Amino acid sequence: MRSLRLAAVLSIALGLVPTGAHLFELPAKIRLPQQQYFVVQGIYRGWAGFGAVLIAATTINLILAMALWRRGERAWPAFFAGLLVASTLAIFFIWTFPANRATSNWTLVPSNWQQFRAQWEYSHAASAILMFAALCLSTLAAIGTRN
């Protein structure tokens, strides 16, 4: 159980790294002119692999919730942590991914690129907030149970 609890917390912490970066860069980056914004967006090439971390974090936290429930322990923090991480994937596919597609991963400038920029930036900010809440819940699940 200790390893499972640690994996649950660490998987979410790892998933918080890129979303946290997006959240903290937002105030400066949202004001960049079009050319500079598109150059900066190029640094995110290859970050799609973090999707695997989110899938793992969702799965591990739901497994932890099931294991805690079977032991008669409080399972809701791990369960909701898993759901919050899963919701970040939904946010990605509803708002972030369409912006990536419309701009060919920020290599094509559509006439309404500012709309896609806002959609992309704020969807990442929302995901960061959800990931932080998930980290808090997963931590609560990890420390609030028996060995």
C-alpha atoms as a PDB file:
ATOM      1  CA  MET A   1       0.000   0.000   0.000  1.00  0.00           C
ATOM      2  CA  ARG A   2       2.822   2.422   0.706  1.00  0.00           C
ATOM      3  CA  SER A   3       4.165   2.074  -2.820  1.00  0.00           C
ATOM      4  CA  LEU A   4       0.702   2.559  -4.307  1.00  0.00           C
ATOM      5  CA  ARG A   5       0.081   5.678  -2.211  1.00  0.00           C
ATOM      6  CA  LEU A   6       3.477   7.099  -3.167  1.00  0.00           C
ATOM      7  CA  ALA A   7       2.907   6.340  -6.852  1.00  0.00           C
ATOM      8  CA  ALA A   8      -0.493   8.048  -6.701  1.00  0.00           C
ATOM      9  CA  VAL A   9       0.963  11.264  -5.298  1.00  0.00           C
ATOM     10  CA  LEU A  10       4.088  11.295  -7.463  1.00  0.00           C
ATOM     11  CA  SER A  11       2.200  10.637 -10.698  1.00  0.00           C
ATOM     12  CA  ILE A  12       0.015  13.674 -10.074  1.00  0.00           C
ATOM     13  CA  ALA A  13       3.012  15.765  -9.025  1.00  0.00           C
ATOM     14  CA  LEU A  14       4.726  14.871 -12.297  1.00  0.00           C
ATOM     15  CA  GLY A  15       1.585  15.815 -14.221  1.00  0.00           C
ATOM     16  CA  LEU A  16       1.465  19.146 -12.400  1.00  0.00           C
ATOM     17  CA  VAL A  17       4.899  20.145 -13.749  1.00  0.00           C
ATOM     18  CA  PRO A  18       3.827  21.081 -17.304  1.00  0.00           C
ATOM     19  CA  THR A  19       0.424  22.460 -16.309  1.00  0.00           C
ATOM     20  CA  GLY A  20       2.017  24.539 -13.567  1.00  0.00           C
ATOM     21  CA  ALA A  21       4.515  25.899 -16.082  1.00  0.00           C
ATOM     22  CA  HIS A  22       1.634  26.915 -18.357  1.00  0.00           C
ATOM     23  CA  LEU A  23      -0.186  28.617 -15.502  1.00  0.00           C
ATOM     24  CA  PHE A  24       2.793  30.676 -14.387  1.00  0.00           C
ATOM     25  CA  GLU A  25       3.822  31.730 -17.890  1.00  0.00           C
ATOM     26  CA  LEU A  26       0.287  32.833 -18.805  1.00  0.00           C
ATOM     27  CA  PRO A  27       0.395  36.459 -17.553  1.00  0.00           C
ATOM     28  CA  ALA A  28       3.473  37.320 -19.623  1.00  0.00           C
ATOM     29  CA  LYS A  29       2.774  35.092 -22.605  1.00  0.00           C
ATOM     30  CA  ILE A  30      -0.863  36.072 -23.189  1.00  0.00           C
ATOM     31  CA  ARG A  31       0.281  39.610 -24.097  1.00  0.00           C
ATOM     32  CA  LEU A  32       2.874  38.622 -26.686  1.00  0.00           C
ATOM     33  CA  PRO A  33       2.343  39.800 -30.246  1.00  0.00           C
ATOM     34  CA  GLN A  34       1.471  37.134 -32.801  1.00  0.00           C
ATOM     35  CA  GLN A  35       4.952  36.485 -34.164  1.00  0.00           C
ATOM     36  CA  GLN A  36       6.558  36.160 -30.737  1.00  0.00           C
ATOM     37  CA  TYR A  37       3.700  34.038 -29.422  1.00  0.00           C
ATOM     38  CA  PHE A  38       4.059  31.535 -32.253  1.00  0.00           C
ATOM     39  CA  VAL A  39       7.821  31.336 -31.715  1.00  0.00           C
ATOM     40  CA  VAL A  40       7.348  30.667 -28.007  1.00  0.00           C
ATOM     41  CA  GLN A  41       4.719  27.998 -28.711  1.00  0.00           C
ATOM     42  CA  GLY A  42       7.424  26.025 -30.515  1.00  0.00           C
ATOM     43  CA  ILE A  43       9.023  25.108 -27.188  1.00  0.00           C
ATOM     44  CA  TYR A  44       6.110  22.770 -26.450  1.00  0.00           C
ATOM     45  CA  ARG A  45       6.845  20.375 -29.298  1.00  0.00           C
ATOM     46  CA  GLY A  46       7.221  16.917 -27.819  1.00  0.00           C
ATOM     47  CA  TRP A  47       5.224  17.644 -24.675  1.00  0.00           C
ATOM     48  CA  ALA A  48       2.368  15.401 -25.860  1.00  0.00           C
ATOM     49  CA  GLY A  49       4.067  12.554 -24.025  1.00  0.00           C
ATOM     50  CA  PHE A  50       2.825  14.028 -20.767  1.00  0.00           C
ATOM     51  CA  GLY A  51      -0.589  12.656 -21.703  1.00  0.00           C
ATOM     52  CA  ALA A  52       0.695   9.238 -20.650  1.00  0.00           C
ATOM     53  CA  VAL A  53       1.480  10.666 -17.209  1.00  0.00           C
ATOM     54  CA  LEU A  54      -2.097  11.912 -16.882  1.00  0.00           C
ATOM     55  CA  ILE A  55      -3.517   8.542 -17.870  1.00  0.00           C
ATOM     56  CA  ALA A  56      -1.216   6.847 -15.355  1.00  0.00           C
ATOM     57  CA  ALA A  57      -2.122   9.327 -12.597  1.00  0.00           C
ATOM     58  CA  THR A  58      -5.827   8.787 -13.219  1.00  0.00           C
ATOM     59  CA  THR A  59      -5.458   5.019 -13.203  1.00  0.00           C
ATOM     60  CA  ILE A  60      -3.187   4.823 -10.158  1.00  0.00           C
ATOM     61  CA  ASN A  61      -5.422   7.079  -8.063  1.00  0.00           C
ATOM     62  CA  LEU A  62      -8.535   5.108  -8.991  1.00  0.00           C
ATOM     63  CA  ILE A  63      -6.730   1.863  -8.127  1.00  0.00           C
ATOM     64  CA  LEU A  64      -5.714   3.417  -4.806  1.00  0.00           C
ATOM     65  CA  ALA A  65      -9.329   4.441  -4.166  1.00  0.00           C
ATOM     66  CA  MET A  66     -10.503   0.890  -4.833  1.00  0.00           C
ATOM     67  CA  ALA A  67      -7.793  -0.582  -2.592  1.00  0.00           C
ATOM     68  CA  LEU A  68      -8.656   1.819   0.230  1.00  0.00           C
ATOM     69  CA  TRP A  69     -12.370   1.103  -0.135  1.00  0.00           C
ATOM     70  CA  ARG A  70     -11.727  -2.650   0.044  1.00  0.00           C
ATOM     71  CA  ARG A  71      -9.758  -2.119   3.251  1.00  0.00           C
ATOM     72  CA  GLY A  72     -12.631  -0.123   4.754  1.00  0.00           C
ATOM     73  CA  GLU A  73     -10.620   3.084   4.668  1.00  0.00           C
ATOM     74  CA  ARG A  74     -11.542   6.522   3.396  1.00  0.00           C
ATOM     75  CA  ALA A  75     -11.346   6.253  -0.401  1.00  0.00           C
ATOM     76  CA  TRP A  76     -13.040   9.433  -1.598  1.00  0.00           C
ATOM     77  CA  PRO A  77      -9.896  11.633  -1.755  1.00  0.00           C
ATOM     78  CA  ALA A  78      -8.114   9.226  -4.108  1.00  0.00           C
ATOM     79  CA  PHE A  79     -11.293   8.695  -6.130  1.00  0.00           C
ATOM     80  CA  PHE A  80     -11.838  12.423  -6.654  1.00  0.00           C
ATOM     81  CA  ALA A  81      -8.131  12.956  -7.342  1.00  0.00           C
ATOM     82  CA  GLY A  82      -8.420  10.436 -10.170  1.00  0.00           C
ATOM     83  CA  LEU A  83     -11.551  12.142 -11.496  1.00  0.00           C
ATOM     84  CA  LEU A  84      -9.897  15.564 -11.422  1.00  0.00           C
ATOM     85  CA  VAL A  85      -6.922  14.299 -13.401  1.00  0.00           C
ATOM     86  CA  ALA A  86      -9.289  12.656 -15.888  1.00  0.00           C
ATOM     87  CA  SER A  87     -11.101  15.986 -16.213  1.00  0.00           C
ATOM     88  CA  THR A  88      -7.853  17.624 -17.333  1.00  0.00           C
ATOM     89  CA  LEU A  89      -7.798  15.177 -20.234  1.00  0.00           C
ATOM     90  CA  ALA A  90     -11.358  16.199 -21.086  1.00  0.00           C
ATOM     91  CA  ILE A  91     -10.326  19.864 -20.998  1.00  0.00           C
ATOM     92  CA  PHE A  92      -7.443  19.062 -23.317  1.00  0.00           C
ATOM     93  CA  PHE A  93      -9.641  17.352 -25.899  1.00  0.00           C
ATOM     94  CA  ILE A  94     -12.455  19.919 -25.702  1.00  0.00           C
ATOM     95  CA  TRP A  95     -10.388  23.144 -25.765  1.00  0.00           C
ATOM     96  CA  THR A  96      -6.631  22.668 -26.107  1.00  0.00           C
ATOM     97  CA  PHE A  97      -6.473  20.072 -28.870  1.00  0.00           C
ATOM     98  CA  PRO A  98      -8.867  21.967 -31.178  1.00  0.00           C
ATOM     99  CA  ALA A  99      -6.641  25.054 -30.853  1.00  0.00           C
ATOM    100  CA  ASN A 100      -3.608  22.935 -31.697  1.00  0.00           C
ATOM    101  CA  ARG A 101      -5.371  21.522 -34.752  1.00  0.00           C
ATOM    102  CA  ALA A 102      -6.660  24.896 -35.969  1.00  0.00           C
ATOM    103  CA  THR A 103      -3.124  26.285 -35.874  1.00  0.00           C
ATOM    104  CA  SER A 104      -1.339  23.112 -37.043  1.00  0.00           C
ATOM    105  CA  ASN A 105       0.390  22.999 -33.655  1.00  0.00           C
ATOM    106  CA  TRP A 106       1.087  26.713 -33.771  1.00  0.00           C
ATOM    107  CA  THR A 107       2.770  26.741 -37.169  1.00  0.00           C
ATOM    108  CA  LEU A 108      -0.196  28.218 -39.075  1.00  0.00           C
ATOM    109  CA  VAL A 109      -1.725  31.612 -38.225  1.00  0.00           C
ATOM    110  CA  PRO A 110      -5.514  31.641 -38.694  1.00  0.00           C
ATOM    111  CA  SER A 111      -7.317  34.984 -38.765  1.00  0.00           C
ATOM    112  CA  ASN A 112      -8.801  34.345 -35.305  1.00  0.00           C
ATOM    113  CA  TRP A 113      -5.560  33.167 -33.717  1.00  0.00           C
ATOM    114  CA  GLN A 114      -6.181  35.321 -30.593  1.00  0.00           C
ATOM    115  CA  GLN A 115      -9.302  33.269 -29.844  1.00  0.00           C
ATOM    116  CA  PHE A 116      -7.271  30.069 -30.096  1.00  0.00           C
ATOM    117  CA  ARG A 117      -4.527  31.579 -27.946  1.00  0.00           C
ATOM    118  CA  ALA A 118      -7.029  32.397 -25.181  1.00  0.00           C
ATOM    119  CA  GLN A 119      -8.614  28.960 -25.509  1.00  0.00           C
ATOM    120  CA  TRP A 120      -5.217  27.266 -25.312  1.00  0.00           C
ATOM    121  CA  GLU A 121      -3.844  29.348 -22.439  1.00  0.00           C
ATOM    122  CA  TYR A 122      -6.936  29.312 -20.235  1.00  0.00           C
ATOM    123  CA  SER A 123      -7.574  25.610 -20.757  1.00  0.00           C
ATOM    124  CA  HIS A 124      -4.067  24.934 -19.494  1.00  0.00           C
ATOM    125  CA  ALA A 125      -4.609  27.264 -16.532  1.00  0.00           C
ATOM    126  CA  ALA A 126      -7.817  25.422 -15.615  1.00  0.00           C
ATOM    127  CA  SER A 127      -5.977  22.108 -15.853  1.00  0.00           C
ATOM    128  CA  ALA A 128      -3.225  23.388 -13.560  1.00  0.00           C
ATOM    129  CA  ILE A 129      -5.754  24.355 -10.907  1.00  0.00           C
ATOM    130  CA  LEU A 130      -7.446  20.958 -11.165  1.00  0.00           C
ATOM    131  CA  MET A 131      -4.094  19.165 -11.000  1.00  0.00           C
ATOM    132  CA  PHE A 132      -3.159  21.064  -7.845  1.00  0.00           C
ATOM    133  CA  ALA A 133      -6.490  20.114  -6.243  1.00  0.00           C
ATOM    134  CA  ALA A 134      -5.891  16.509  -7.334  1.00  0.00           C
ATOM    135  CA  LEU A 135      -2.426  16.593  -5.756  1.00  0.00           C
ATOM    136  CA  CYS A 136      -3.921  17.810  -2.478  1.00  0.00           C
ATOM    137  CA  LEU A 137      -6.570  15.071  -2.517  1.00  0.00           C
ATOM    138  CA  SER A 138      -4.107  12.341  -3.448  1.00  0.00           C
ATOM    139  CA  THR A 139      -1.802  13.474  -0.649  1.00  0.00           C
ATOM    140  CA  LEU A 140      -4.716  13.421   1.769  1.00  0.00           C
ATOM    141  CA  ALA A 141      -5.507   9.863   0.656  1.00  0.00           C
ATOM    142  CA  ALA A 142      -1.879   8.848   1.083  1.00  0.00           C
ATOM    143  CA  ILE A 143      -1.382  10.264   4.582  1.00  0.00           C
ATOM    144  CA  GLY A 144      -4.879   9.693   5.937  1.00  0.00           C
ATOM    145  CA  THR A 145      -4.806   5.911   5.892  1.00  0.00           C
ATOM    146  CA  ARG A 146      -3.331   3.038   7.846  1.00  0.00           C
ATOM    147  CA  ASN A 147      -0.098   1.364   6.758  1.00  0.00           C
END
